[in-house]
């Protein structure tokens, strides 16, 4: 049985959400939801996959382009891989894009184009983990699942004045969050607590004066809210190095390769290059009059920084190696490249 504190928290937070819900292209707002409109599970799933490791502001335009081009899960499932990967370029974490296609195709082939409505069934789909399964089940199907993202962790840590550092405190935070999750309007509640963390209970300088939970927040009473949630210090990111080789033929075509499906930037188009390591080989992919370009490309991935040296050459038409991908000047689009490869192209183009 939930205590009065938790029930009152839900009522007050939902009342706040009814007045202050953020407008998002994938969201059915509280007024529309109360009138009977229901979220499209496809749009909820797509937004949740896109939002992993990034922000609403970064995702909004990508989401609108995706849903304009592929408005249903069936249309996405039928899309060529390279088109989807090209539209994804810039969002990062490209394994998500590969799993996006796999998931869409499984939903169409094994579920008649309908997303499962339970947490456990959603977990069986490619690329859907515990958080995403809970978010889809709650938001799309109004299941009382515990949705625990960074915003919710922060709200719960401050509400209960929990000082144990993340990530070790995740089980405790999830237990507290589960106790708060209501059976009534769980989809709205999940979005409400995320909105609260994103707009009021922010990482720095939380706006406690306008927070609907301020009289119930233990860290606000203790004056510790700005210090929470605590986090175990991260190890410094190492730096790796590499070489990329850009080739243009005399008629303007560009020579690329498709990266292996597994690993960083898997399945994406890119420039031929070396491994990324402390001391990478600078062996070119084929013999030519290579010249090293001034400057370097710097990029940061989740677990390391990368510095690339860019080499360039030109070839006459018909001289390109057959085991590489030759795109004529009309077919080549820099926007189809992942960000780090586009940075290398920009360095080459501005030489």
Protein backbone atom coordinates (compact mmCIF):
# COMPACT_ATOMS: atom_id res chain seq x y z
CA UNK A 1 0.00 0.00 0.00
CA UNK A 2 1.32 3.43 -0.92
CA UNK A 3 1.51 6.08 1.75
CA UNK A 4 -0.25 9.43 1.72
CA UNK A 5 2.99 11.23 0.83
CA UNK A 6 3.26 9.26 -2.43
CA UNK A 7 -0.42 9.69 -3.37
CA UNK A 8 -0.32 13.43 -2.70
CA UNK A 9 2.91 13.68 -4.68
CA UNK A 10 1.24 12.09 -7.69
CA UNK A 11 -1.84 14.31 -7.50
CA UNK A 12 0.19 17.49 -7.21
CA UNK A 13 2.66 16.51 -9.92
CA UNK A 14 -0.09 15.55 -12.38
CA UNK A 15 -1.91 18.82 -11.68
CA UNK A 16 1.33 20.67 -12.42
CA UNK A 17 1.83 18.64 -15.61
CA UNK A 18 -1.70 19.43 -16.78
CA UNK A 19 -0.75 23.12 -16.70
CA UNK A 20 2.88 22.94 -17.80
CA UNK A 21 3.41 19.93 -20.09
CA UNK A 22 6.02 20.55 -22.76
CA UNK A 23 4.82 20.37 -26.35
CA UNK A 24 6.71 17.77 -28.36
CA UNK A 25 5.99 16.39 -31.83
CA UNK A 26 5.74 12.83 -30.50
CA UNK A 27 3.64 13.62 -27.44
CA UNK A 28 -0.12 13.56 -26.87
CA UNK A 29 -0.63 16.32 -24.29
CA UNK A 30 -2.73 15.86 -21.15
CA UNK A 31 -5.75 17.76 -22.52
CA UNK A 32 -5.85 15.70 -25.72
CA UNK A 33 -5.26 12.51 -23.78
CA UNK A 34 -8.14 13.26 -21.42
CA UNK A 35 -10.37 13.76 -24.46
CA UNK A 36 -9.63 10.26 -25.68
CA UNK A 37 -6.63 10.67 -28.00
CA UNK A 38 -3.99 7.98 -27.62
CA UNK A 39 -0.28 8.09 -28.47
CA UNK A 40 0.99 6.29 -31.56
CA UNK A 41 3.32 3.55 -30.24
CA UNK A 42 5.48 3.92 -33.35
CA UNK A 43 6.15 7.59 -32.63
CA UNK A 44 6.71 6.93 -28.92
CA UNK A 45 9.21 4.15 -29.72
CA UNK A 46 11.02 6.24 -32.35
CA UNK A 47 11.34 9.23 -30.03
CA UNK A 48 12.61 7.13 -27.14
CA UNK A 49 15.29 5.49 -29.27
CA UNK A 50 16.37 8.87 -30.64
CA UNK A 51 16.42 10.48 -27.18
CA UNK A 52 18.92 7.99 -25.75
CA UNK A 53 22.12 9.83 -24.83
CA UNK A 54 20.94 13.16 -26.24
CA UNK A 55 18.44 15.98 -25.75
CA UNK A 56 14.96 16.93 -26.89
CA UNK A 57 16.35 19.95 -28.75
CA UNK A 58 18.80 17.78 -30.68
CA UNK A 59 16.17 15.17 -31.58
CA UNK A 60 13.21 17.31 -32.61
CA UNK A 61 14.27 17.99 -36.23
CA UNK A 62 15.47 14.42 -36.75
CA UNK A 63 12.13 13.09 -35.52
CA UNK A 64 10.17 15.36 -37.83
CA UNK A 65 12.28 14.35 -40.84
CA UNK A 66 11.98 10.64 -40.02
CA UNK A 67 8.23 10.71 -39.54
CA UNK A 68 7.72 12.82 -42.65
CA UNK A 69 9.73 10.35 -44.70
CA UNK A 70 8.58 7.18 -42.88
CA UNK A 71 5.26 7.91 -41.14
CA UNK A 72 4.57 4.30 -40.10
CA UNK A 73 6.56 1.36 -38.82
CA UNK A 74 5.76 -0.45 -42.08
CA UNK A 75 7.30 2.32 -44.18
CA UNK A 76 10.41 2.40 -42.00
CA UNK A 77 10.77 -1.38 -42.16
CA UNK A 78 10.71 -1.21 -45.96
CA UNK A 79 13.29 1.60 -46.18
CA UNK A 80 16.77 0.87 -47.60
CA UNK A 81 19.40 0.67 -44.88
CA UNK A 82 21.59 3.38 -46.39
CA UNK A 83 18.74 5.90 -46.47
CA UNK A 84 17.94 5.38 -42.80
CA UNK A 85 21.61 5.49 -41.79
CA UNK A 86 22.01 8.68 -43.80
CA UNK A 87 19.07 10.36 -42.06
CA UNK A 88 20.48 9.24 -38.72
CA UNK A 89 23.90 10.80 -39.37
CA UNK A 90 24.71 13.31 -36.65
CA UNK A 91 22.65 11.67 -33.90
CA UNK A 92 25.54 9.37 -32.99
CA UNK A 93 25.50 5.91 -31.39
CA UNK A 94 24.90 4.34 -34.79
CA UNK A 95 24.11 0.90 -33.36
CA UNK A 96 20.78 2.47 -32.44
CA UNK A 97 20.04 3.12 -36.12
CA UNK A 98 20.86 -0.48 -37.06
CA UNK A 99 18.65 -1.76 -34.25
CA UNK A 100 15.94 0.70 -35.27
CA UNK A 101 15.64 -1.04 -38.62
CA UNK A 102 15.86 -4.50 -37.08
CA UNK A 103 13.13 -3.65 -34.60
CA UNK A 104 10.82 -2.14 -37.22
CA UNK A 105 11.18 -5.25 -39.37
CA UNK A 106 10.49 -7.61 -36.45
CA UNK A 107 7.38 -5.60 -35.49
CA UNK A 108 6.10 -5.83 -39.07
CA UNK A 109 7.06 -9.46 -39.70
CA UNK A 110 6.25 -10.98 -36.29
CA UNK A 111 3.65 -8.63 -34.77
CA UNK A 112 1.60 -7.57 -37.81
CA UNK A 113 2.91 -4.01 -37.50
CA UNK A 114 1.66 -3.57 -33.92
CA UNK A 115 4.04 -2.94 -31.05
CA UNK A 116 3.55 -5.26 -28.06
CA UNK A 117 1.92 -3.48 -25.12
CA UNK A 118 3.76 -5.12 -22.22
CA UNK A 119 7.18 -4.44 -20.76
CA UNK A 120 8.35 -8.06 -21.09
CA UNK A 121 7.28 -8.41 -24.72
CA UNK A 122 8.86 -5.09 -25.64
CA UNK A 123 12.15 -6.28 -24.11
CA UNK A 124 12.26 -9.04 -26.71
CA UNK A 125 12.51 -6.52 -29.57
CA UNK A 126 15.94 -5.54 -30.98
CA UNK A 127 17.47 -2.46 -29.38
CA UNK A 128 14.90 -2.13 -26.59
CA UNK A 129 16.31 -2.28 -23.06
CA UNK A 130 14.62 -1.98 -19.66
CA UNK A 131 14.29 1.81 -19.70
CA UNK A 132 12.92 2.02 -23.26
CA UNK A 133 10.52 -0.87 -22.65
CA UNK A 134 9.19 0.84 -19.51
CA UNK A 135 8.84 4.19 -21.28
CA UNK A 136 6.95 2.74 -24.25
CA UNK A 137 4.69 0.61 -22.03
CA UNK A 138 3.86 3.59 -19.82
CA UNK A 139 3.55 6.38 -22.38
CA UNK A 140 2.04 4.48 -25.31
CA UNK A 141 -0.08 1.95 -23.41
CA UNK A 142 -0.63 3.54 -19.98
CA UNK A 143 1.00 0.64 -18.12
CA UNK A 144 2.17 1.45 -14.56
CA UNK A 145 5.85 0.85 -15.33
CA UNK A 146 8.72 2.55 -13.54
CA UNK A 147 10.47 4.91 -15.95
CA UNK A 148 13.92 5.87 -14.66
CA UNK A 149 16.01 8.19 -16.80
CA UNK A 150 18.51 10.82 -15.67
CA UNK A 151 15.80 13.38 -14.98
CA UNK A 152 13.83 10.96 -12.82
CA UNK A 153 16.94 9.87 -10.94
CA UNK A 154 17.67 13.49 -10.08
CA UNK A 155 14.11 14.22 -8.95
CA UNK A 156 13.95 11.11 -6.75
CA UNK A 157 17.42 11.62 -5.26
CA UNK A 158 16.48 15.16 -4.24
CA UNK A 159 12.96 14.33 -3.13
CA UNK A 160 14.27 11.72 -0.66
CA UNK A 161 17.68 13.37 -0.02
CA UNK A 162 19.59 10.28 -1.17
CA UNK A 163 23.33 10.85 -0.98
CA UNK A 164 24.60 7.45 -2.17
CA UNK A 165 26.37 8.11 -5.49
CA UNK A 166 25.29 6.95 -8.92
CA UNK A 167 25.49 4.47 -10.54
CA UNK A 168 25.53 2.40 -7.35
CA UNK A 169 22.35 4.05 -6.05
CA UNK A 170 20.26 3.10 -9.11
CA UNK A 171 18.48 0.16 -7.38
CA UNK A 172 17.52 2.39 -4.44
CA UNK A 173 16.31 5.15 -6.75
CA UNK A 174 14.31 2.69 -8.82
CA UNK A 175 12.66 1.30 -5.71
CA UNK A 176 11.64 4.79 -4.64
CA UNK A 177 10.47 5.68 -8.14
CA UNK A 178 8.43 2.47 -8.34
CA UNK A 179 6.66 3.35 -5.09
CA UNK A 180 5.69 6.72 -6.59
CA UNK A 181 4.41 5.34 -9.91
CA UNK A 182 0.60 5.50 -9.89
CA UNK A 183 -1.92 3.07 -11.35
CA UNK A 184 -3.97 6.02 -12.62
CA UNK A 185 -2.52 8.01 -15.55
CA UNK A 186 0.90 6.30 -15.39
CA UNK A 187 1.76 7.53 -18.90
CA UNK A 188 1.13 11.14 -17.99
CA UNK A 189 2.94 10.64 -14.69
CA UNK A 190 6.06 9.27 -16.43
CA UNK A 191 6.17 12.31 -18.70
CA UNK A 192 5.38 14.67 -15.82
CA UNK A 193 8.30 13.59 -13.67
CA UNK A 194 10.64 13.76 -16.68
CA UNK A 195 9.36 17.26 -17.48
CA UNK A 196 9.87 18.30 -13.88
CA UNK A 197 13.50 17.19 -14.01
CA UNK A 198 14.10 18.81 -17.39
CA UNK A 199 12.54 22.21 -16.66
CA UNK A 200 12.47 22.80 -12.88
CA UNK A 201 14.57 20.26 -10.99
CA UNK A 202 17.51 20.88 -13.31
CA UNK A 203 21.10 19.65 -12.77
CA UNK A 204 22.37 23.12 -11.93
CA UNK A 205 20.48 25.87 -10.14
CA UNK A 206 17.19 24.00 -9.62
CA UNK A 207 14.21 26.35 -9.57
CA UNK A 208 12.97 25.25 -6.15
CA UNK A 209 10.85 28.37 -5.71
CA UNK A 210 8.43 27.29 -8.44
CA UNK A 211 8.65 23.53 -7.89
CA UNK A 212 5.28 21.93 -7.07
CA UNK A 213 7.13 19.45 -4.82
CA UNK A 214 9.10 21.96 -2.78
CA UNK A 215 7.13 21.41 0.46
CA UNK A 216 7.72 17.63 0.18
CA UNK A 217 11.33 17.70 -0.96
CA UNK A 218 13.67 16.52 1.78
CA UNK A 219 16.83 17.83 0.12
CA UNK A 220 15.27 21.28 -0.28
CA UNK A 221 14.50 21.29 3.42
CA UNK A 222 18.06 20.20 4.18
CA UNK A 223 19.62 22.62 1.71
CA UNK A 224 21.41 19.81 -0.14
CA UNK A 225 19.47 19.82 -3.42
CA UNK A 226 22.24 21.44 -5.47
CA UNK A 227 24.62 18.63 -4.49
CA UNK A 228 22.35 15.79 -5.64
CA UNK A 229 22.46 13.33 -7.17
CA UNK A 230 26.01 12.50 -6.26
CA UNK A 231 28.03 10.60 -8.85
CA UNK A 232 31.08 8.41 -8.64
CA UNK A 233 33.90 10.31 -10.42
CA UNK A 234 34.49 9.11 -13.98
CA UNK A 235 37.88 8.00 -15.18
CA UNK A 236 39.48 10.40 -17.68
CA UNK A 237 38.77 9.50 -21.29
CA UNK A 238 41.80 8.18 -23.18
CA UNK A 239 42.83 9.66 -26.54
CA UNK A 240 43.19 7.50 -29.64
CA UNK A 241 44.65 8.38 -33.00
CA UNK A 242 44.00 7.38 -36.58
CA UNK A 243 44.38 8.18 -40.27
CA UNK A 244 41.71 8.63 -42.96
CA UNK A 245 42.28 8.72 -46.71
CA UNK A 246 40.09 10.86 -48.98
CA UNK A 247 40.14 10.24 -52.72
CA UNK A 248 38.40 12.18 -55.46
CA UNK A 249 38.54 11.22 -59.10
CA UNK A 250 39.04 13.74 -61.87
CA UNK A 251 35.31 13.70 -62.65
CA UNK A 252 34.36 14.54 -59.04
CA UNK A 253 33.49 11.09 -57.71
CA UNK A 254 34.43 10.18 -54.10
CA UNK A 255 35.93 6.89 -52.94
CA UNK A 256 34.44 5.46 -49.73
CA UNK A 257 33.98 2.22 -47.87
CA UNK A 258 31.23 0.78 -45.70
CA UNK A 259 32.36 0.09 -42.18
CA UNK A 260 31.79 -3.37 -40.64
CA UNK A 261 28.36 -3.90 -39.10
CA UNK A 262 29.85 -4.43 -35.66
CA UNK A 263 31.76 -1.73 -33.83
CA UNK A 264 31.68 2.05 -33.83
CA UNK A 265 29.90 3.61 -36.82
CA UNK A 266 28.91 0.09 -37.88
CA UNK A 267 27.30 -0.11 -41.31
CA UNK A 268 27.99 3.55 -42.08
CA UNK A 269 29.75 4.98 -45.10
CA UNK A 270 33.14 6.46 -44.34
CA UNK A 271 36.61 7.15 -45.62
CA UNK A 272 39.11 4.29 -45.74
CA UNK A 273 41.40 4.52 -42.77
CA UNK A 274 43.54 2.95 -40.11
CA UNK A 275 42.58 1.44 -36.81
CA UNK A 276 42.09 3.88 -33.94
CA UNK A 277 44.77 3.29 -31.33
CA UNK A 278 47.71 4.78 -29.48
CA UNK A 279 50.01 4.24 -32.48
CA UNK A 280 48.00 3.56 -35.65
CA UNK A 281 49.62 2.51 -38.92
CA UNK A 282 49.70 5.19 -41.60
CA UNK A 283 49.62 2.65 -44.43
CA UNK A 284 47.42 3.97 -47.24
CA UNK A 285 44.68 1.71 -48.70
CA UNK A 286 46.36 1.73 -52.12
CA UNK A 287 49.42 3.22 -53.78
CA UNK A 288 49.01 6.82 -54.91
CA UNK A 289 50.49 10.27 -54.53
CA UNK A 290 49.12 10.84 -51.03
CA UNK A 291 49.61 14.16 -49.25
CA UNK A 292 48.87 14.89 -45.64
CA UNK A 293 46.57 17.85 -45.04
CA UNK A 294 47.38 20.57 -42.51
CA UNK A 295 45.30 20.42 -39.38
CA UNK A 296 43.54 17.47 -37.76
CA UNK A 297 40.07 16.17 -36.95
CA UNK A 298 39.05 15.97 -33.31
CA UNK A 299 35.99 14.05 -32.18
CA UNK A 300 34.76 12.63 -28.89
CA UNK A 301 32.95 9.33 -28.49
CA UNK A 302 31.42 8.00 -25.29
CA UNK A 303 34.57 6.32 -24.04
CA UNK A 304 37.45 8.09 -25.77
CA UNK A 305 38.67 11.15 -27.65
CA UNK A 306 39.81 10.68 -31.25
CA UNK A 307 42.34 12.65 -33.30
CA UNK A 308 42.53 11.91 -37.03
CA UNK A 309 45.17 12.85 -39.57
CA UNK A 310 43.64 13.37 -43.02
CA UNK A 311 45.39 12.32 -46.23
CA UNK A 312 44.24 13.18 -49.76
CA UNK A 313 44.87 12.08 -53.30
CA UNK A 314 43.22 12.17 -56.73
CA UNK A 315 42.78 9.50 -59.40
CA UNK A 316 41.82 9.51 -63.05
CA UNK A 317 38.37 8.15 -63.92
CA UNK A 318 38.28 4.34 -63.94
CA UNK A 319 41.36 3.95 -61.74
CA UNK A 320 39.57 3.43 -58.41
CA UNK A 321 40.05 0.05 -56.64
CA UNK A 322 37.12 -2.27 -57.27
CA UNK A 323 36.73 -3.29 -53.62
CA UNK A 324 35.71 0.24 -52.59
CA UNK A 325 32.55 2.29 -53.12
CA UNK A 326 32.75 4.96 -55.80
CA UNK A 327 30.00 7.58 -55.60
CA UNK A 328 29.71 10.09 -58.42
CA UNK A 329 29.42 13.74 -57.54
CA UNK A 330 25.63 13.66 -57.83
CA UNK A 331 25.20 10.61 -55.56
CA UNK A 332 27.65 11.67 -52.86
CA UNK A 333 26.05 13.58 -49.98
CA UNK A 334 28.27 14.69 -47.07
CA UNK A 335 25.17 14.61 -44.85
CA UNK A 336 25.08 10.81 -45.23
CA UNK A 337 28.39 10.53 -43.40
CA UNK A 338 28.71 10.12 -39.63
CA UNK A 339 29.85 13.30 -37.92
CA UNK A 340 33.52 12.36 -37.54
CA UNK A 341 33.76 11.47 -41.25
CA UNK A 342 31.99 14.68 -42.19
CA UNK A 343 34.55 16.62 -40.16
CA UNK A 344 37.30 14.98 -42.22
CA UNK A 345 35.47 15.91 -45.42
CA UNK A 346 35.14 19.52 -44.24
CA UNK A 347 38.88 19.67 -43.55
CA UNK A 348 39.60 18.28 -47.03
CA UNK A 349 37.08 20.61 -48.71
CA UNK A 350 38.54 23.68 -47.01
CA UNK A 351 42.16 22.86 -47.73
